[in-house]
Amino acid sequence: RAELIEELRAEGGDVVLVDGENLREEVKDATSGAPIVLGLNAVGGESALRLANCLAPGSTMVTFGAMGLQPLKIPNGLLIFKDLRFRGIWINKWYDNATMAERMDA
């Protein structure tokens, strides 16, 4: 959300972008074309697809939320031709199984 940009920058965000139809171009411009190898998805739906399209070949997208209440729809081409990997994690389950040291390192 646009209203959070300054707050996120104040918290140390180097690049803060708002999801939209031009996300891929905005990411490329903001990173000078550097390869993005990890995507963190908390929304799902079309937002997740736009995020996946920003990733470099062989990258991973981790989904840890579904705030948009829409399914994750990934075209076969991203799996086959870009060799992207998609993972899911339930933070509560991880937390319950993690040691104190793992929690402190996270």
C-alpha atoms as a PDB file:
ATOM      1  CA  ARG A   1       0.000   0.000   0.000  1.00  0.00           C
ATOM      2  CA  ALA A   2       1.313   3.379  -1.003  1.00  0.00           C
ATOM      3  CA  GLU A   3       0.654   4.891   2.425  1.00  0.00           C
ATOM      4  CA  LEU A   4       3.238   2.536   3.974  1.00  0.00           C
ATOM      5  CA  ILE A   5       6.152   3.339   1.651  1.00  0.00           C
ATOM      6  CA  GLU A   6       7.826   5.919   3.886  1.00  0.00           C
ATOM      7  CA  GLU A   7       7.314   3.839   7.022  1.00  0.00           C
ATOM      8  CA  LEU A   8       8.927   0.813   5.368  1.00  0.00           C
ATOM      9  CA  ARG A   9      11.854   2.909   4.136  1.00  0.00           C
ATOM     10  CA  ALA A  10      12.312   4.271   7.657  1.00  0.00           C
ATOM     11  CA  GLU A  11      12.477   0.666   8.898  1.00  0.00           C
ATOM     12  CA  GLY A  12      15.346  -0.026   6.484  1.00  0.00           C
ATOM     13  CA  GLY A  13      13.662  -1.026   3.236  1.00  0.00           C
ATOM     14  CA  ASP A  14      16.138  -0.368   0.423  1.00  0.00           C
ATOM     15  CA  VAL A  15      13.514  -0.681  -2.302  1.00  0.00           C
ATOM     16  CA  VAL A  16       9.806  -0.342  -1.545  1.00  0.00           C
ATOM     17  CA  LEU A  17       7.359  -0.844  -4.407  1.00  0.00           C
ATOM     18  CA  VAL A  18       3.591  -1.128  -4.597  1.00  0.00           C
ATOM     19  CA  ASP A  19       2.158  -4.044  -6.576  1.00  0.00           C
ATOM     20  CA  GLY A  20       0.604  -3.143  -9.887  1.00  0.00           C
ATOM     21  CA  GLU A  21       0.482  -3.999 -13.575  1.00  0.00           C
ATOM     22  CA  ASN A  22       3.992  -2.570 -14.160  1.00  0.00           C
ATOM     23  CA  LEU A  23       5.673  -4.368 -11.247  1.00  0.00           C
ATOM     24  CA  ARG A  24       8.199  -6.226 -13.415  1.00  0.00           C
ATOM     25  CA  GLU A  25       9.447  -3.004 -15.030  1.00  0.00           C
ATOM     26  CA  GLU A  26       9.516  -1.176 -11.687  1.00  0.00           C
ATOM     27  CA  VAL A  27      11.565  -3.964 -10.086  1.00  0.00           C
ATOM     28  CA  LYS A  28      13.980  -3.991 -13.017  1.00  0.00           C
ATOM     29  CA  ASP A  29      14.427  -0.211 -12.797  1.00  0.00           C
ATOM     30  CA  ALA A  30      14.790  -0.187  -9.003  1.00  0.00           C
ATOM     31  CA  THR A  31      17.419  -2.950  -9.025  1.00  0.00           C
ATOM     32  CA  SER A  32      19.269  -1.905 -12.191  1.00  0.00           C
ATOM     33  CA  GLY A  33      18.277  -5.252 -13.664  1.00  0.00           C
ATOM     34  CA  ALA A  34      19.884  -7.348 -10.916  1.00  0.00           C
ATOM     35  CA  PRO A  35      18.519 -10.905 -10.817  1.00  0.00           C
ATOM     36  CA  ILE A  36      15.853 -11.451  -8.172  1.00  0.00           C
ATOM     37  CA  VAL A  37      16.328 -14.965  -6.762  1.00  0.00           C
ATOM     38  CA  LEU A  38      13.762 -15.031  -3.944  1.00  0.00           C
ATOM     39  CA  GLY A  39      10.161 -13.870  -3.889  1.00  0.00           C
ATOM     40  CA  LEU A  40       8.104 -13.718  -0.692  1.00  0.00           C
ATOM     41  CA  ASN A  41       4.372 -13.977  -1.299  1.00  0.00           C
ATOM     42  CA  ALA A  42       1.813 -13.190   1.386  1.00  0.00           C
ATOM     43  CA  VAL A  43      -1.107 -12.293  -0.884  1.00  0.00           C
ATOM     44  CA  GLY A  44      -1.682 -14.855  -3.656  1.00  0.00           C
ATOM     45  CA  GLY A  45      -3.799 -14.377  -6.779  1.00  0.00           C
ATOM     46  CA  GLU A  46      -2.682 -12.023  -9.547  1.00  0.00           C
ATOM     47  CA  SER A  47      -0.238 -10.310  -7.195  1.00  0.00           C
ATOM     48  CA  ALA A  48       1.693 -13.563  -6.781  1.00  0.00           C
ATOM     49  CA  LEU A  49       1.818 -14.058 -10.548  1.00  0.00           C
ATOM     50  CA  ARG A  50       3.263 -10.572 -11.026  1.00  0.00           C
ATOM     51  CA  LEU A  51       5.849 -11.338  -8.331  1.00  0.00           C
ATOM     52  CA  ALA A  52       6.771 -14.650  -9.994  1.00  0.00           C
ATOM     53  CA  ASN A  53       7.300 -12.827 -13.285  1.00  0.00           C
ATOM     54  CA  CYS A  54       9.963 -10.668 -11.584  1.00  0.00           C
ATOM     55  CA  LEU A  55      12.097 -13.665 -10.610  1.00  0.00           C
ATOM     56  CA  ALA A  56      15.255 -14.777 -12.404  1.00  0.00           C
ATOM     57  CA  PRO A  57      15.467 -18.280 -13.891  1.00  0.00           C
ATOM     58  CA  GLY A  58      16.043 -20.941 -11.230  1.00  0.00           C
ATOM     59  CA  SER A  59      14.634 -18.774  -8.437  1.00  0.00           C
ATOM     60  CA  THR A  60      12.265 -19.646  -5.605  1.00  0.00           C
ATOM     61  CA  MET A  61       9.020 -18.075  -4.466  1.00  0.00           C
ATOM     62  CA  VAL A  62       7.909 -18.790  -0.901  1.00  0.00           C
ATOM     63  CA  THR A  63       4.255 -18.343   0.001  1.00  0.00           C
ATOM     64  CA  PHE A  64       3.540 -17.710   3.676  1.00  0.00           C
ATOM     65  CA  GLY A  65       0.140 -16.062   3.521  1.00  0.00           C
ATOM     66  CA  ALA A  66      -3.035 -15.735   1.477  1.00  0.00           C
ATOM     67  CA  MET A  67      -4.350 -12.290   2.356  1.00  0.00           C
ATOM     68  CA  GLY A  68      -5.970 -11.884  -1.059  1.00  0.00           C
ATOM     69  CA  LEU A  69      -8.006 -15.068  -0.554  1.00  0.00           C
ATOM     70  CA  GLN A  70      -7.312 -15.972  -4.201  1.00  0.00           C
ATOM     71  CA  PRO A  71      -5.533 -19.132  -5.400  1.00  0.00           C
ATOM     72  CA  LEU A  72      -1.971 -19.111  -6.630  1.00  0.00           C
ATOM     73  CA  LYS A  73      -2.175 -19.531 -10.427  1.00  0.00           C
ATOM     74  CA  ILE A  74       1.208 -20.161 -11.997  1.00  0.00           C
ATOM     75  CA  PRO A  75       1.518 -20.709 -15.762  1.00  0.00           C
ATOM     76  CA  ASN A  76       3.343 -23.857 -16.843  1.00  0.00           C
ATOM     77  CA  GLY A  77       5.917 -21.749 -18.680  1.00  0.00           C
ATOM     78  CA  LEU A  78       7.258 -20.305 -15.432  1.00  0.00           C
ATOM     79  CA  LEU A  79       7.783 -23.828 -14.106  1.00  0.00           C
ATOM     80  CA  ILE A  80       9.230 -25.299 -17.281  1.00  0.00           C
ATOM     81  CA  PHE A  81      11.128 -22.536 -19.073  1.00  0.00           C
ATOM     82  CA  LYS A  82      12.194 -20.410 -16.090  1.00  0.00           C
ATOM     83  CA  ASP A  83      12.700 -23.412 -13.780  1.00  0.00           C
ATOM     84  CA  LEU A  84      11.050 -21.570 -10.898  1.00  0.00           C
ATOM     85  CA  ARG A  85      10.434 -23.339  -7.619  1.00  0.00           C
ATOM     86  CA  PHE A  86       7.426 -22.693  -5.418  1.00  0.00           C
ATOM     87  CA  ARG A  87       7.365 -23.445  -1.696  1.00  0.00           C
ATOM     88  CA  GLY A  88       4.862 -22.899   1.040  1.00  0.00           C
ATOM     89  CA  ILE A  89       5.440 -22.432   4.745  1.00  0.00           C
ATOM     90  CA  TRP A  90       3.063 -22.108   7.643  1.00  0.00           C
ATOM     91  CA  ILE A  91       4.922 -19.864  10.080  1.00  0.00           C
ATOM     92  CA  ASN A  92       3.028 -21.168  13.140  1.00  0.00           C
ATOM     93  CA  LYS A  93       3.965 -24.768  12.350  1.00  0.00           C
ATOM     94  CA  TRP A  94       7.600 -23.810  11.805  1.00  0.00           C
ATOM     95  CA  TYR A  95       7.635 -21.873  15.082  1.00  0.00           C
ATOM     96  CA  ASP A  96       6.151 -24.807  17.008  1.00  0.00           C
ATOM     97  CA  ASN A  97       8.845 -27.160  15.677  1.00  0.00           C
ATOM     98  CA  ALA A  98      11.845 -24.811  15.792  1.00  0.00           C
ATOM     99  CA  THR A  99      14.371 -24.844  18.589  1.00  0.00           C
ATOM    100  CA  MET A 100      14.946 -21.672  20.584  1.00  0.00           C
ATOM    101  CA  ALA A 101      18.257 -21.197  18.744  1.00  0.00           C
ATOM    102  CA  GLU A 102      16.512 -21.489  15.363  1.00  0.00           C
ATOM    103  CA  ARG A 103      13.902 -18.966  16.443  1.00  0.00           C
ATOM    104  CA  MET A 104      16.581 -16.529  17.581  1.00  0.00           C
ATOM    105  CA  ASP A 105      18.500 -16.915  14.301  1.00  0.00           C
ATOM    106  CA  ALA A 106      15.411 -16.331  12.154  1.00  0.00           C
END
